[in-house]
Amino acid sequence: MTSTLVLLACNGDAPTRTLEAPLGPTPLVDVDPAPDAIEVSVVAAPGRWAFLPGKPADVWAYRDGNVDGDEGRVPGPMLLGKVGDHVTVHFRNDLPEPTTLHWHGIKVPAMHDGSNVSQMAVEPGKSFTYEFTLTEAGTFWFHPHLRADEQIERGLYAPIVVRGEDEFPVDTDRVLVLDDVKVESSGQLSPTITSLDLMVGRQGNVLLVNGERLPRLEAPAGGRERWRLLNSANGAYFNVSLPGHPLRVVGWDGGVLPEPYGVDNLLIAPGERYELLVELGGAEGDTIELQTQHYDRGHALPDLGPRPLATFALTAPPASPAPRSPEPRGDVEPLPVTPDTPRRSFTLSEEEPAGPADEPRFFINDEAYPDVTRLVVGTGELEVWEIVNDAEMDHPFHLHGTFFQVLDQPHLGWKDTVNVPQKSTVRIAVDFDNPGLWMYHCHILEHAERGMMGVLQVGKAP
């Protein structure tokens, strides 16, 4: 079963909180003893992290400000909580440039969203306190929203796990943060940004799972596991597979699905999260390789064939196996879309550089951020958004502040990021229940930073 983590206050007092922690990045230490409150400290600072064995690189990383001597890590420490918890995050910026924290997928008050339009940047040496209440169970993450292509690539990202009443028994609960980085032979992050990097998103030559290259992970033979997969890469798509083992999708960005479904390969675009129920089978001593398969996302990217991500080494079967209860079922009702529901259309387009000194540009409805028209909707209004991808490559579309449902496809669930394949259209239904200023954008970070981003006002102007 999942291990029980006891979080201790940094002053050595009695334990302040007990939660089941998934395997993966170490959770932030909560120093608030109240059962429905979380108080943590996050520091963004330069650090060192080895993407290649024995070759530490200079990175920017999050560390736990409540742990004396804690060092930054990639990914950063995990925020762990449950539905109903009131969260206080004391954030300090020890970087040489401004930054923010954006709570990707968490429904926070707009002024705590950390986006380009919702708060002032946190300057070097300064602090900001974020406050919000966890309202949905699922797998989320936090990262900067200023110069995100550079800051996330340097290592500033970390997962969030929120537990709810729809938890289900498994032998192991894992967080698997997927990333790729461009690393030189010295082990340092490459400063070179090519025109291809700008056009399709930064292309890494080292694949990472929880900050490690080709990690070897132990798993009980015959175990039933819950995998929480997060794609934190700038532009890489992960098309994951576990050869010989079908994958059962039980959750999306916004939590557990009402009807799980099976796949052989699972495509995860930048910013997306998926939860899987995996039956490992096998015997002690066996190994199982997690892979990513080629996916044609446009602009004639080469087919590198199957690439290994991690190896699972099977250990003895669990002494007390988790009950093989029925598959989990989330409570999701379809939004009440009718022919009279208001519609909006968004066209995603790109402009290749005119010369060697130019950069590509990316647009939504022929506008490039920050020179965009603010959209205005009323609080509580329901709309259908038609996302038209007119470009020669896929674009993952991310909406801040709320979830949406993807129409015209067979599965029902909540998303905040959806891949829009090249030369295709995706329709989403959105209930705007969270007032404030929000952003929507492509989650290929080089695209968002070069124009493919818009501003949405829900309710009255702040």
Protein backbone atom coordinates (compact mmCIF):
# COMPACT_ATOMS: atom_id res chain seq x y z
CA MET A 1 0.00 0.00 0.00
CA THR A 2 1.09 3.62 -0.17
CA SER A 3 3.45 4.61 2.59
CA THR A 4 2.27 6.83 5.41
CA LEU A 5 4.25 10.04 5.61
CA VAL A 6 4.51 11.89 8.91
CA LEU A 7 5.33 15.54 8.29
CA LEU A 8 7.26 17.14 11.12
CA ALA A 9 7.45 20.79 12.05
CA CYS A 10 10.94 22.22 11.62
CA ASN A 11 11.15 23.18 15.30
CA GLY A 12 11.14 19.54 16.40
CA ASP A 13 7.66 19.63 17.95
CA ALA A 14 5.18 16.77 17.69
CA PRO A 15 4.05 15.72 14.21
CA THR A 16 1.75 18.26 12.67
CA ARG A 17 0.08 16.21 9.95
CA THR A 18 -0.22 12.69 8.60
CA LEU A 19 -1.09 11.90 4.98
CA GLU A 20 -0.46 9.01 2.66
CA ALA A 21 2.30 10.18 0.33
CA PRO A 22 2.66 8.77 -3.18
CA LEU A 23 6.09 7.55 -4.20
CA GLY A 24 7.92 10.33 -6.02
CA PRO A 25 9.26 13.74 -5.05
CA THR A 26 9.43 14.38 -1.29
CA PRO A 27 6.44 16.40 -0.01
CA LEU A 28 6.80 19.88 1.41
CA VAL A 29 6.76 20.01 5.21
CA ASP A 30 3.47 21.34 6.59
CA VAL A 31 3.90 23.29 9.85
CA ASP A 32 0.23 24.00 10.54
CA PRO A 33 -1.16 21.49 13.10
CA ALA A 34 -4.77 22.08 12.07
CA PRO A 35 -6.26 19.06 10.25
CA ASP A 36 -7.74 21.17 7.44
CA ALA A 37 -4.92 23.65 6.91
CA ILE A 38 -1.54 23.48 5.18
CA GLU A 39 1.29 25.96 5.68
CA VAL A 40 4.41 25.40 3.62
CA SER A 41 7.42 27.39 2.45
CA VAL A 42 8.86 27.33 -1.09
CA VAL A 43 12.13 28.98 -2.09
CA ALA A 44 13.24 29.39 -5.72
CA ALA A 45 17.03 29.63 -5.94
CA PRO A 46 20.07 28.63 -8.01
CA GLY A 47 21.18 25.09 -7.27
CA ARG A 48 22.94 22.02 -8.58
CA TRP A 49 21.37 18.90 -10.05
CA ALA A 50 22.91 15.99 -11.97
CA PHE A 51 21.03 15.12 -15.16
CA LEU A 52 23.99 12.91 -16.10
CA PRO A 53 25.56 10.69 -13.42
CA GLY A 54 28.46 12.40 -11.67
CA LYS A 55 28.10 15.62 -13.67
CA PRO A 56 26.12 18.20 -11.66
CA ALA A 57 24.59 21.05 -13.64
CA ASP A 58 23.80 24.60 -12.62
CA VAL A 59 20.02 24.80 -12.32
CA TRP A 60 17.26 26.86 -10.79
CA ALA A 61 15.26 24.78 -8.36
CA TYR A 62 12.63 24.83 -5.63
CA ARG A 63 13.56 23.86 -2.09
CA ASP A 64 11.62 23.48 1.15
CA GLY A 65 11.99 26.63 3.24
CA ASN A 66 10.78 24.76 6.35
CA VAL A 67 13.72 22.35 6.30
CA ASP A 68 17.07 23.68 7.50
CA GLY A 69 19.80 23.00 4.97
CA ASP A 70 17.39 21.72 2.33
CA GLU A 71 18.85 21.85 -1.16
CA GLY A 72 16.97 22.50 -4.36
CA ARG A 73 15.91 19.55 -6.44
CA VAL A 74 14.41 18.85 -9.87
CA PRO A 75 11.47 18.44 -9.80
CA GLY A 76 10.85 20.42 -6.64
CA PRO A 77 9.19 19.13 -3.47
CA MET A 78 5.58 18.05 -3.86
CA LEU A 79 2.60 19.87 -2.37
CA LEU A 80 0.44 17.20 -0.74
CA GLY A 81 -3.05 17.84 0.60
CA LYS A 82 -6.70 16.82 0.55
CA VAL A 83 -9.92 18.40 -0.65
CA GLY A 84 -11.04 21.12 1.74
CA ASP A 85 -7.57 22.06 2.98
CA HIS A 86 -6.81 25.78 3.15
CA VAL A 87 -3.30 26.22 1.78
CA THR A 88 -0.81 28.96 2.69
CA VAL A 89 2.41 29.02 0.67
CA HIS A 90 5.16 31.38 1.79
CA PHE A 91 7.22 31.92 -1.36
CA ARG A 92 10.63 33.58 -1.53
CA ASN A 93 12.49 34.43 -4.72
CA ASP A 94 16.26 33.96 -4.39
CA LEU A 95 16.74 33.97 -8.16
CA PRO A 96 18.53 36.78 -10.03
CA GLU A 97 15.32 37.70 -11.92
CA PRO A 98 11.58 38.09 -11.20
CA THR A 99 9.35 35.04 -11.06
CA THR A 100 5.94 33.78 -9.84
CA LEU A 101 4.23 30.53 -8.87
CA HIS A 102 1.35 29.38 -11.08
CA TRP A 103 -0.83 26.60 -9.63
CA HIS A 104 -1.54 24.69 -12.83
CA GLY A 105 -5.00 23.11 -12.60
CA ILE A 106 -5.78 24.29 -9.06
CA LYS A 107 -8.85 26.56 -8.87
CA VAL A 108 -7.35 29.45 -6.94
CA PRO A 109 -8.52 33.07 -6.53
CA ALA A 110 -7.33 35.00 -9.57
CA MET A 111 -4.99 37.24 -7.57
CA HIS A 112 -3.09 34.10 -6.47
CA ASP A 113 -2.88 32.47 -9.90
CA GLY A 114 0.68 33.67 -10.55
CA SER A 115 0.02 34.51 -14.20
CA ASN A 116 1.22 37.48 -16.21
CA VAL A 117 -2.05 39.37 -15.61
CA SER A 118 -3.09 38.27 -12.11
CA GLN A 119 -0.23 39.43 -9.88
CA MET A 120 2.89 41.55 -9.86
CA ALA A 121 6.12 39.63 -10.34
CA VAL A 122 8.01 38.60 -7.22
CA GLU A 123 11.29 40.47 -7.53
CA PRO A 124 14.67 38.99 -6.53
CA GLY A 125 15.01 38.86 -2.75
CA LYS A 126 11.29 39.45 -2.24
CA SER A 127 8.48 37.24 -0.95
CA PHE A 128 4.80 36.63 -1.63
CA THR A 129 2.22 34.56 0.24
CA TYR A 130 -0.23 32.52 -1.83
CA GLU A 131 -3.51 31.37 -0.28
CA PHE A 132 -6.21 29.10 -1.68
CA THR A 133 -8.46 26.19 -0.79
CA LEU A 134 -8.13 22.79 -2.46
CA THR A 135 -11.49 22.06 -4.10
CA GLU A 136 -10.76 19.12 -6.45
CA ALA A 137 -8.88 15.88 -6.03
CA GLY A 138 -6.28 15.01 -8.62
CA THR A 139 -2.73 15.53 -9.85
CA PHE A 140 -1.58 19.08 -10.58
CA TRP A 141 1.68 21.05 -10.58
CA PHE A 142 3.24 24.44 -9.91
CA HIS A 143 5.72 26.39 -12.01
CA PRO A 144 6.63 29.98 -12.99
CA HIS A 145 4.58 32.04 -15.42
CA LEU A 146 7.25 34.61 -16.31
CA ARG A 147 9.81 33.66 -18.96
CA ALA A 148 8.40 30.20 -18.42
CA ASP A 149 10.32 28.67 -21.33
CA GLU A 150 13.61 29.57 -19.64
CA GLN A 151 12.66 29.16 -15.98
CA ILE A 152 10.93 25.79 -16.29
CA GLU A 153 13.72 24.46 -18.51
CA ARG A 154 16.20 25.40 -15.77
CA GLY A 155 14.30 23.19 -13.31
CA LEU A 156 11.48 25.19 -11.72
CA TYR A 157 8.53 22.81 -11.55
CA ALA A 158 6.98 20.51 -8.95
CA PRO A 159 3.93 18.22 -8.62
CA ILE A 160 0.80 18.62 -6.51
CA VAL A 161 -1.32 15.72 -5.27
CA VAL A 162 -4.74 16.39 -3.76
CA ARG A 163 -6.54 13.45 -2.19
CA GLY A 164 -10.32 13.18 -2.14
CA GLU A 165 -13.13 10.90 -1.15
CA ASP A 166 -12.75 8.91 -4.37
CA GLU A 167 -9.41 7.34 -3.38
CA PHE A 168 -9.13 3.65 -4.28
CA PRO A 169 -6.89 0.91 -2.87
CA VAL A 170 -3.62 0.13 -4.67
CA ASP A 171 -0.37 -1.51 -3.67
CA THR A 172 1.64 1.52 -4.78
CA ASP A 173 0.70 5.10 -5.64
CA ARG A 174 3.35 6.83 -7.81
CA VAL A 175 3.97 10.30 -9.17
CA LEU A 176 5.95 10.15 -12.42
CA VAL A 177 7.03 13.60 -13.66
CA LEU A 178 8.16 13.38 -17.30
CA ASP A 179 10.57 15.91 -18.81
CA ASP A 180 13.36 16.30 -21.32
CA VAL A 181 16.38 18.57 -21.12
CA LYS A 182 19.10 19.60 -23.55
CA VAL A 183 22.38 18.70 -21.86
CA GLU A 184 25.98 19.10 -23.01
CA SER A 185 28.65 16.43 -22.52
CA SER A 186 29.81 18.34 -19.41
CA GLY A 187 26.42 17.70 -17.84
CA GLN A 188 25.45 21.38 -17.99
CA LEU A 189 22.20 22.56 -19.53
CA SER A 190 22.86 23.72 -23.06
CA PRO A 191 22.53 27.48 -23.61
CA THR A 192 21.97 26.91 -27.33
CA ILE A 193 18.48 27.56 -28.59
CA THR A 194 17.99 26.60 -32.21
CA SER A 195 15.36 27.80 -34.65
CA LEU A 196 13.82 24.33 -34.36
CA ASP A 197 13.61 24.76 -30.58
CA LEU A 198 11.64 27.95 -31.06
CA MET A 199 9.44 26.48 -33.75
CA VAL A 200 8.41 23.24 -32.04
CA GLY A 201 9.46 23.79 -28.41
CA ARG A 202 12.81 23.09 -26.74
CA GLN A 203 14.12 19.69 -27.87
CA GLY A 204 15.94 17.75 -25.17
CA ASN A 205 18.48 14.97 -25.65
CA VAL A 206 18.00 13.50 -22.15
CA LEU A 207 14.66 12.10 -21.00
CA LEU A 208 13.85 12.37 -17.30
CA VAL A 209 11.48 10.66 -14.89
CA ASN A 210 11.31 12.51 -11.57
CA GLY A 211 14.50 14.35 -12.51
CA GLU A 212 16.51 11.20 -13.24
CA ARG A 213 17.76 9.71 -16.49
CA LEU A 214 16.61 6.09 -16.89
CA PRO A 215 15.80 5.48 -13.23
CA ARG A 216 15.46 1.94 -11.93
CA LEU A 217 12.31 1.77 -9.80
CA GLU A 218 11.25 -1.09 -7.57
CA ALA A 219 7.70 -2.43 -7.78
CA PRO A 220 6.03 -5.48 -6.22
CA ALA A 221 5.45 -8.37 -8.61
CA GLY A 222 1.74 -8.82 -9.28
CA GLY A 223 1.07 -5.40 -7.80
CA ARG A 224 -1.74 -3.04 -8.68
CA GLU A 225 -0.43 0.52 -8.99
CA ARG A 226 -1.80 4.01 -9.49
CA TRP A 227 0.46 6.08 -11.71
CA ARG A 228 0.08 9.87 -11.77
CA LEU A 229 1.78 11.02 -14.98
CA LEU A 230 2.67 14.68 -15.53
CA ASN A 231 4.35 16.14 -18.63
CA SER A 232 6.40 19.14 -17.50
CA ALA A 233 8.47 19.46 -20.70
CA ASN A 234 8.74 22.68 -22.68
CA GLY A 235 7.66 21.07 -25.94
CA ALA A 236 8.15 17.30 -25.86
CA TYR A 237 5.18 14.96 -26.21
CA PHE A 238 5.36 11.64 -24.38
CA ASN A 239 3.56 8.73 -26.01
CA VAL A 240 4.00 6.29 -23.15
CA SER A 241 3.67 2.52 -23.29
CA LEU A 242 4.48 -0.46 -21.12
CA PRO A 243 5.08 -3.26 -23.65
CA GLY A 244 3.07 -6.33 -22.77
CA HIS A 245 0.89 -4.44 -20.32
CA PRO A 246 -2.26 -2.57 -21.38
CA LEU A 247 -2.78 0.79 -19.72
CA ARG A 248 -6.04 1.63 -17.97
CA VAL A 249 -6.79 5.37 -17.88
CA VAL A 250 -8.72 6.25 -14.72
CA GLY A 251 -8.10 10.01 -14.41
CA TRP A 252 -7.42 13.20 -16.35
CA ASP A 253 -6.28 16.68 -15.38
CA GLY A 254 -9.34 17.30 -13.20
CA GLY A 255 -9.62 13.97 -11.39
CA VAL A 256 -11.04 10.47 -11.65
CA LEU A 257 -13.17 9.61 -14.70
CA PRO A 258 -16.70 8.20 -14.49
CA GLU A 259 -15.73 5.51 -17.04
CA PRO A 260 -12.11 4.28 -17.24
CA TYR A 261 -10.81 3.14 -20.64
CA GLY A 262 -7.94 1.10 -21.99
CA VAL A 263 -5.10 2.10 -24.33
CA ASP A 264 -1.85 0.56 -25.55
CA ASN A 265 -0.11 3.95 -25.86
CA LEU A 266 -1.03 7.12 -23.98
CA LEU A 267 -0.20 10.48 -25.55
CA ILE A 268 0.60 13.16 -22.97
CA ALA A 269 1.06 16.70 -24.29
CA PRO A 270 2.99 19.37 -22.36
CA GLY A 271 1.02 20.43 -19.27
CA GLU A 272 -1.32 17.42 -19.26
CA ARG A 273 -1.77 14.89 -16.47
CA TYR A 274 -3.19 11.38 -16.67
CA GLU A 275 -3.77 8.77 -13.99
CA LEU A 276 -3.42 5.07 -14.77
CA LEU A 277 -4.37 1.85 -13.03
CA VAL A 278 -1.55 -0.58 -13.86
CA GLU A 279 -1.56 -4.33 -13.20
CA LEU A 280 2.13 -5.25 -13.25
CA GLY A 281 1.92 -9.06 -13.13
CA GLY A 282 5.30 -10.78 -13.53
CA ALA A 283 7.51 -12.50 -10.98
CA GLU A 284 10.20 -11.36 -8.59
CA GLY A 285 13.35 -10.58 -10.58
CA ASP A 286 11.54 -9.56 -13.77
CA THR A 287 11.98 -6.11 -15.26
CA ILE A 288 9.46 -4.01 -17.17
CA GLU A 289 10.50 -1.03 -19.31
CA LEU A 290 8.42 2.14 -19.53
CA GLN A 291 8.85 3.66 -23.00
CA THR A 292 7.82 6.62 -25.08
CA GLN A 293 6.90 5.92 -28.70
CA HIS A 294 7.26 8.29 -31.64
CA TYR A 295 4.32 10.62 -32.26
CA ASP A 296 4.07 12.77 -35.36
CA ARG A 297 3.21 16.19 -34.02
CA GLY A 298 4.29 18.09 -37.12
CA HIS A 299 7.16 19.85 -38.86
CA ALA A 300 8.73 16.54 -39.90
CA LEU A 301 10.35 15.76 -36.56
CA PRO A 302 12.42 12.57 -36.91
CA ASP A 303 11.13 9.20 -35.75
CA LEU A 304 13.59 8.11 -33.03
CA GLY A 305 11.72 4.88 -32.41
CA PRO A 306 10.81 3.63 -28.93
CA ARG A 307 12.87 5.37 -26.24
CA PRO A 308 13.24 4.04 -22.69
CA LEU A 309 12.06 6.21 -19.80
CA ALA A 310 12.46 3.99 -16.73
CA THR A 311 12.86 0.37 -15.70
CA PHE A 312 10.64 -1.27 -13.10
CA ALA A 313 12.44 -4.04 -11.21
CA LEU A 314 9.90 -6.43 -9.72
CA THR A 315 10.40 -7.39 -6.10
CA ALA A 316 8.53 -9.83 -3.89
CA PRO A 317 4.74 -9.65 -4.18
CA PRO A 318 3.04 -7.41 -1.62
CA ALA A 319 2.63 -9.09 1.76
CA SER A 320 -0.90 -7.71 2.06
CA PRO A 321 -2.16 -7.03 -1.46
CA ALA A 322 -4.62 -4.21 -1.91
CA PRO A 323 -8.21 -5.40 -2.40
CA ARG A 324 -9.03 -5.87 -6.08
CA SER A 325 -12.04 -3.64 -5.78
CA PRO A 326 -13.98 -2.50 -8.85
CA GLU A 327 -12.35 0.18 -10.97
CA PRO A 328 -12.67 3.70 -9.59
CA ARG A 329 -15.52 5.84 -10.84
CA GLY A 330 -15.57 9.63 -10.56
CA ASP A 331 -18.71 11.73 -10.31
CA VAL A 332 -18.78 13.82 -13.49
CA GLU A 333 -21.94 15.12 -15.13
CA PRO A 334 -21.87 16.50 -18.69
CA LEU A 335 -22.24 20.26 -18.92
CA PRO A 336 -25.71 21.23 -20.22
CA VAL A 337 -24.71 22.30 -23.72
CA THR A 338 -27.58 23.07 -26.09
CA PRO A 339 -27.81 24.53 -29.61
CA ASP A 340 -28.37 27.92 -27.93
CA THR A 341 -25.14 27.80 -25.87
CA PRO A 342 -22.90 30.74 -26.92
CA ARG A 343 -19.98 29.81 -29.17
CA ARG A 344 -16.55 31.33 -29.67
CA SER A 345 -13.90 30.37 -32.19
CA PHE A 346 -10.14 30.54 -31.63
CA THR A 347 -7.73 29.99 -34.50
CA LEU A 348 -4.16 28.98 -33.65
CA SER A 349 -1.60 29.95 -36.27
CA GLU A 350 2.14 30.32 -36.70
CA GLU A 351 4.50 32.46 -38.73
CA GLU A 352 7.90 31.09 -39.60
CA PRO A 353 10.88 33.47 -39.32
CA ALA A 354 11.52 35.62 -42.39
CA GLY A 355 15.28 35.58 -41.94
CA PRO A 356 18.04 33.93 -39.89
CA ALA A 357 17.96 36.69 -37.27
CA ASP A 358 14.19 36.50 -36.81
CA GLU A 359 12.13 34.35 -34.46
CA PRO A 360 8.88 32.55 -35.29
CA ARG A 361 5.66 34.13 -34.07
CA PHE A 362 2.52 32.42 -32.81
CA PHE A 363 -1.02 33.79 -32.79
CA ILE A 364 -4.54 33.26 -31.48
CA ASN A 365 -7.09 34.86 -33.81
CA ASP A 366 -4.23 36.72 -35.53
CA GLU A 367 -3.22 38.42 -32.25
CA ALA A 368 0.03 37.90 -30.34
CA TYR A 369 0.35 38.54 -26.61
CA PRO A 370 0.59 41.14 -25.13
CA ASP A 371 -1.23 42.95 -27.94
CA VAL A 372 -4.47 41.02 -27.54
CA THR A 373 -8.15 41.81 -27.13
CA ARG A 374 -9.43 40.90 -23.67
CA LEU A 375 -12.34 38.47 -23.76
CA VAL A 376 -15.17 39.14 -21.28
CA VAL A 377 -17.72 36.59 -20.01
CA GLY A 378 -20.12 36.71 -17.09
CA THR A 379 -19.57 34.67 -13.98
CA GLY A 380 -21.48 31.40 -14.24
CA GLU A 381 -21.92 31.56 -18.00
CA LEU A 382 -21.51 28.43 -20.11
CA GLU A 383 -19.81 28.63 -23.50
CA VAL A 384 -18.53 26.32 -26.20
CA TRP A 385 -15.06 27.18 -27.46
CA GLU A 386 -14.01 25.92 -30.87
CA ILE A 387 -10.21 25.65 -31.01
CA VAL A 388 -9.14 25.60 -34.66
CA ASN A 389 -5.51 24.63 -35.24
CA ASP A 390 -4.48 26.10 -38.58
CA ALA A 391 -0.79 25.37 -37.95
CA GLU A 392 1.48 22.63 -39.29
CA MET A 393 1.95 21.15 -35.81
CA ASP A 394 -0.01 20.21 -32.69
CA HIS A 395 -0.68 22.76 -29.94
CA PRO A 396 -1.71 21.89 -26.35
CA PHE A 397 -4.32 24.46 -25.28
CA HIS A 398 -4.39 25.39 -21.56
CA LEU A 399 -7.06 27.45 -19.77
CA HIS A 400 -6.47 29.01 -16.34
CA GLY A 401 -9.05 29.29 -13.58
CA THR A 402 -11.42 26.45 -14.35
CA PHE A 403 -11.83 23.07 -16.01
CA PHE A 404 -13.59 22.21 -19.24
CA GLN A 405 -15.10 19.18 -20.97
CA VAL A 406 -13.95 18.08 -24.41
CA LEU A 407 -16.86 17.58 -26.78
CA ASP A 408 -17.02 15.27 -29.83
CA GLN A 409 -15.01 12.48 -28.21
CA PRO A 410 -16.08 9.30 -26.41
CA HIS A 411 -14.81 9.98 -22.89
CA LEU A 412 -16.24 12.32 -20.27
CA GLY A 413 -14.01 14.05 -17.74
CA TRP A 414 -12.46 17.34 -16.65
CA LYS A 415 -9.49 18.88 -18.44
CA ASP A 416 -7.54 22.12 -18.20
CA THR A 417 -5.12 21.27 -21.02
CA VAL A 418 -6.03 19.55 -24.29
CA ASN A 419 -3.97 18.73 -27.33
CA VAL A 420 -5.26 20.22 -30.58
CA PRO A 421 -3.73 18.21 -33.44
CA GLN A 422 -2.37 19.97 -36.51
CA LYS A 423 -4.98 21.08 -39.03
CA SER A 424 -7.87 19.99 -36.82
CA THR A 425 -10.53 21.40 -34.50
CA VAL A 426 -11.33 20.58 -30.87
CA ARG A 427 -14.49 21.82 -29.14
CA ILE A 428 -14.63 22.34 -25.40
CA ALA A 429 -17.46 23.32 -23.05
CA VAL A 430 -16.54 25.73 -20.25
CA ASP A 431 -18.52 26.83 -17.20
CA PHE A 432 -16.95 30.10 -16.05
CA ASP A 433 -17.48 29.75 -12.31
CA ASN A 434 -14.30 31.49 -11.11
CA PRO A 435 -14.29 35.31 -11.46
CA GLY A 436 -11.17 37.31 -12.25
CA LEU A 437 -8.51 37.80 -14.92
CA TRP A 438 -7.18 34.58 -16.45
CA MET A 439 -4.97 33.44 -19.28
CA TYR A 440 -5.34 30.85 -22.00
CA HIS A 441 -2.41 29.76 -24.11
CA CYS A 442 -0.47 27.06 -25.88
CA HIS A 443 1.51 25.04 -23.33
CA ILE A 444 4.47 24.63 -25.63
CA LEU A 445 6.33 27.25 -23.63
CA GLU A 446 8.30 28.76 -26.49
CA HIS A 447 4.99 29.37 -28.29
CA ALA A 448 3.27 31.03 -25.32
CA GLU A 449 6.26 33.31 -24.76
CA ARG A 450 6.20 34.30 -28.44
CA GLY A 451 2.58 35.30 -28.68
CA MET A 452 0.21 32.31 -28.46
CA MET A 453 -1.51 33.55 -25.31
CA GLY A 454 -4.71 35.44 -24.54
CA VAL A 455 -6.49 37.16 -21.63
CA LEU A 456 -9.94 36.31 -20.30
CA GLN A 457 -12.01 38.37 -17.87
CA VAL A 458 -14.70 36.48 -15.97
CA GLY A 459 -17.19 38.77 -14.27
CA LYS A 460 -16.61 42.44 -13.50
CA ALA A 461 -13.20 44.01 -14.09
CA PRO A 462 -10.96 43.93 -11.00
